[in-house]
Structure formats: structure tokens, C-alpha cells
Protein backbone atom coordinates (compact mmCIF):
# COMPACT_ATOMS: atom_id res chain seq x y z
CA MET A 1 171.80 194.05 191.85
CA ARG A 2 167.81 194.39 193.03
CA ARG A 3 167.59 197.62 192.60
CA ARG A 4 168.89 197.60 189.12
CA LYS A 5 166.48 194.84 188.52
CA GLY A 6 163.44 197.41 189.36
CA LYS A 7 165.16 200.26 187.37
CA ILE A 8 164.85 198.05 184.57
CA THR A 9 161.47 196.88 185.17
CA ILE A 10 160.63 200.39 185.84
CA MET A 11 162.31 201.71 182.19
CA LEU A 12 160.90 199.13 180.35
CA VAL A 13 157.13 200.46 182.01
CA MET A 14 157.33 203.46 181.14
CA ALA A 15 159.07 202.63 177.56
CA ILE A 16 155.95 200.44 177.03
CA GLY A 17 153.80 203.80 178.24
CA ILE A 18 155.36 206.41 175.89
CA PHE A 19 154.70 203.83 173.07
CA SER A 20 151.28 203.13 173.30
CA SER A 21 150.48 206.36 174.03
CA LEU A 22 152.26 207.43 170.90
CA PHE A 23 150.87 204.61 168.44
CA ALA A 24 147.02 205.84 170.42
CA PHE A 25 147.56 208.86 168.14
CA LEU A 26 147.38 207.25 164.58
CA PRO A 27 144.51 206.33 162.97
CA ARG A 28 142.99 203.05 163.29
CA ASN A 29 141.28 200.98 160.03
CA LYS A 30 138.59 199.41 162.81
CA ALA A 31 136.54 196.44 161.17
CA VAL A 32 132.71 197.41 161.22
CA ASN A 33 130.47 193.91 162.13
CA ILE A 34 127.06 193.90 159.99
CA ASP A 35 125.31 191.63 158.63
CA LYS A 36 122.50 192.16 155.45
CA MET A 37 119.68 190.35 156.16
CA ALA A 38 118.06 191.21 152.55
CA HIS A 39 118.39 192.88 148.94
CA TRP A 40 117.20 194.23 146.22
CA ASN A 41 117.03 192.55 142.78
CA TYR A 42 116.64 195.59 141.14
CA ALA A 43 116.56 199.78 141.92
CA PRO A 44 113.91 200.58 144.21
CA ILE A 45 111.20 203.83 143.73
CA ILE A 46 111.11 205.90 146.51
CA ARG A 47 107.81 206.84 147.17
CA VAL A 48 107.51 209.99 149.48
CA CYS A 49 104.45 210.63 151.16
CA LYS A 50 102.83 214.20 151.36
CA VAL A 51 102.21 213.46 155.01
CA SER A 52 106.00 212.80 155.49
CA PRO A 53 107.84 215.47 157.65
CA LEU A 54 110.46 215.69 154.39
CA SER A 55 110.26 216.97 150.61
CA VAL A 56 111.26 215.15 147.48
CA ASN A 57 114.27 217.30 147.55
CA GLU A 58 115.10 216.12 151.15
CA VAL A 59 114.99 212.55 150.25
CA ALA A 60 116.89 212.97 147.53
CA ALA A 61 119.83 214.46 149.29
CA ALA A 62 119.54 211.14 151.37
CA VAL A 63 119.23 208.92 148.23
CA GLN A 64 122.42 210.38 147.37
CA TRP A 65 124.00 209.17 150.08
CA TRP A 66 123.43 205.63 149.36
CA LYS A 67 123.97 206.31 145.74
CA ASP A 68 127.39 207.83 146.22
CA LEU A 69 128.08 204.14 148.37
CA GLY A 70 127.18 202.41 144.79
CA TYR A 71 122.99 201.80 145.51
CA ASP A 72 120.92 202.31 142.71
CA PHE A 73 117.36 203.75 143.05
CA ASP A 74 114.60 204.42 140.62
CA LEU A 75 112.69 207.58 140.62
CA ILE A 76 111.56 209.61 143.69
CA TYR A 77 108.11 211.29 143.68
CA ASN A 78 105.76 212.69 146.12
CA SER A 79 102.30 210.77 146.97
CA ASP A 80 99.03 210.39 148.45
CA CYS A 81 100.23 207.11 149.40
CA VAL A 82 96.52 206.31 149.08
CA LYS A 83 97.81 202.23 148.69
CA THR A 84 99.93 201.54 151.52
CA ASN A 85 102.38 199.16 149.84
CA LYS A 86 103.59 199.47 146.32
CA PHE A 87 105.96 195.91 144.79
CA ALA A 88 109.42 197.62 144.38
CA THR A 89 108.68 200.67 146.40
CA ILE A 90 110.47 201.99 149.31
CA THR A 91 107.59 204.40 151.22
CA ILE A 92 108.73 207.21 153.36
CA THR A 93 105.73 208.50 155.88
CA LEU A 94 104.98 210.50 159.22
CA ASP A 95 104.81 207.98 162.07
CA GLN A 96 101.13 207.67 163.27
CA GLY A 97 101.91 208.13 166.63
CA GLU A 98 104.11 204.74 167.69
CA LEU A 99 107.25 206.40 167.20
CA PHE A 100 106.72 208.67 170.10
CA MET A 101 105.47 207.01 171.93
CA ASN A 102 108.35 204.51 171.93
CA ASN A 103 110.84 207.39 171.88
CA LEU A 104 111.69 206.64 168.56
CA LEU A 105 112.71 208.71 165.43
CA GLY A 106 112.13 206.54 162.63
CA SER A 107 111.28 203.18 162.08
CA THR A 108 111.52 200.53 158.73
CA THR A 109 109.37 197.82 158.11
CA LEU A 110 110.87 195.59 155.46
CA TYR A 111 109.05 192.89 153.37
CA ALA A 112 111.20 190.14 152.02
CA ASP A 113 110.89 186.31 150.80
CA SER A 114 112.32 184.09 153.67
CA GLU A 115 113.83 181.88 150.84
CA THR A 116 115.68 184.29 148.86
CA ASN A 117 115.91 187.57 150.78
CA GLU A 118 114.77 189.71 148.05
CA ILE A 119 112.96 192.75 148.95
CA TYR A 120 109.55 193.57 147.61
CA TRP A 121 109.56 196.46 149.65
CA ALA A 122 109.69 198.50 153.01
CA THR A 123 107.87 201.47 154.70
CA ILE A 124 109.86 204.26 156.58
CA GLU A 125 108.08 206.12 159.35
CA LEU A 126 109.51 209.63 160.65
CA ARG A 127 108.59 211.63 163.17
CA HIS A 128 108.24 214.89 163.04
CA PRO A 129 110.12 217.12 163.34
CA TYR A 130 112.80 215.42 161.61
CA THR A 131 116.44 214.57 163.07
CA GLU A 132 119.28 214.62 161.16
CA ARG A 133 120.55 211.27 159.85
CA VAL A 134 117.30 209.76 160.45
CA LEU A 135 116.28 208.90 157.15
CA GLU A 136 120.08 207.66 155.77
CA HIS A 137 119.97 205.35 158.50
CA GLU A 138 116.02 203.88 158.14
CA LEU A 139 117.02 203.87 154.48
CA GLY A 140 119.76 201.36 155.23
CA HIS A 141 117.22 199.18 156.90
CA ALA A 142 115.34 199.23 153.85
CA LEU A 143 118.13 198.01 151.17
CA GLY A 144 118.30 195.21 154.26
CA TRP A 145 121.06 196.22 156.66
CA LEU A 146 120.49 195.43 160.37
CA HIS A 147 122.55 197.80 163.18
CA THR A 148 126.39 197.52 164.18
CA ARG A 149 127.82 198.65 167.16
CA THR A 150 130.41 200.56 166.03
CA LYS A 151 130.33 203.97 167.28
CA GLU A 152 130.07 207.05 164.66
CA HIS A 153 128.87 204.20 162.13
CA MET A 154 125.78 204.90 160.01
CA MET A 155 124.18 202.05 161.12
CA HIS A 156 124.49 202.74 165.17
CA PRO A 157 120.92 201.49 166.69
CA LEU A 158 121.30 205.16 168.94
CA HIS A 159 121.04 208.16 167.02
CA PHE A 160 123.46 210.17 170.03
CA GLU A 161 126.14 207.32 169.34
CA GLY A 162 126.24 206.69 165.42
CA GLY A 163 127.65 209.22 162.63
CA TRP A 164 128.57 209.54 158.73
CA ASN A 165 130.86 206.52 158.86
CA ASP A 166 130.01 204.02 155.74
CA ASN A 167 132.75 201.18 156.69
CA ALA A 168 131.15 197.69 154.87
CA LEU A 169 128.04 199.17 153.93
CA ILE A 170 129.58 199.77 150.09
CA ASN A 171 127.72 198.28 147.40
CA MET A 172 130.02 195.50 146.50
CA ARG A 173 126.84 193.99 143.72
CA GLN A 174 127.82 193.64 140.13
CA ASP A 175 125.05 192.85 137.45
CA ASN A 176 122.32 193.09 139.96
CA GLU A 177 123.51 189.93 142.17
CA CYS A 178 122.62 189.20 145.48
CA PRO A 179 126.27 189.09 147.02
CA PHE A 180 125.04 186.14 149.57
């Protein structure tokens, strides 16, 4: 009797193992845990400083990635960037050495109203040479998104663990209303 119980237990464990390994290959819809800290009440202008490591066309390609998710942007233009911060503008410029010293690929500084969470302007600094996917990630911060620990996600804080996954980033706003 005891021997039979052992065979049943072993068979049950093997069956569970086979079924779980079959399910491991099925695609899973992983929930993404990501927060948005602020928002634009209007379509921001993109100002590309002449010292930026990217051209207007390269910036336009990165902006298109966000447009495909439902975000609006105004014009994209090249500038000398004499005035550092402009209202309703995302400024893209070259890092002044701080990113290199801290081993970062890019950095975004947001200026937002602490009560309404409305973004007034943002500045994105990029390293030279430019690394693929960094501008799309930093534009996410300029749009108010924080980091997520979901691997392969655009907003993952570590470049080598990030990717093009855009789960939870689709813009749900209608008529420029704030979603929160």
C-alpha cells in the first residue's frame, strides 16, 4: 500500500511538472507597475539644441514613437538654445560632463506645478556618443512617467534591462484632460 502511494505521488509531481513547463512557453500578459507624476496640458514644443548629439530628424523619429502611443507634440526645431528654459518646451541638449562622471546615458529635469502636476517645461541632456533608445526613455520622463522594474520596458531604469515594451504608456487622455 505504501509503495502505491509513493508511485501516485511521483506521478502527480511529474504531471504537475509537465503541465507547468508547457505553460511556461505560453505568452503572458505581465502587468506593468508604473506611475505618472505629472502631465502637459498642451502639446509641448521640442527644441533641439545645436550642440545636441542628435539631429532634428533623429529626434523626430523618437517623438514618433510616443505619437504612436497617442501623445501630441507641437513643432520640432533646431536652436542655439541661448535661453535655457522655455515655457511649453522640451529642450534636448548635450550633457555638460555630469552624466559621463555618473555613468548615465541621459537625464531629464522636469519643471511642474506641485499642486496641479502640470508640466511647464523639461530639459533632456544626452551623452555623446548617443545610445539607441535613450531619447525615447528620456522623453517618457519629460511626459511625466517614472521608472518601472518591468524588464524589456521602455521606462526601465537600467538600459541593458530595458527595451521597447510600451505596456501602460498609452495616452488615455481625451480632450487634453488630466488622467488623475
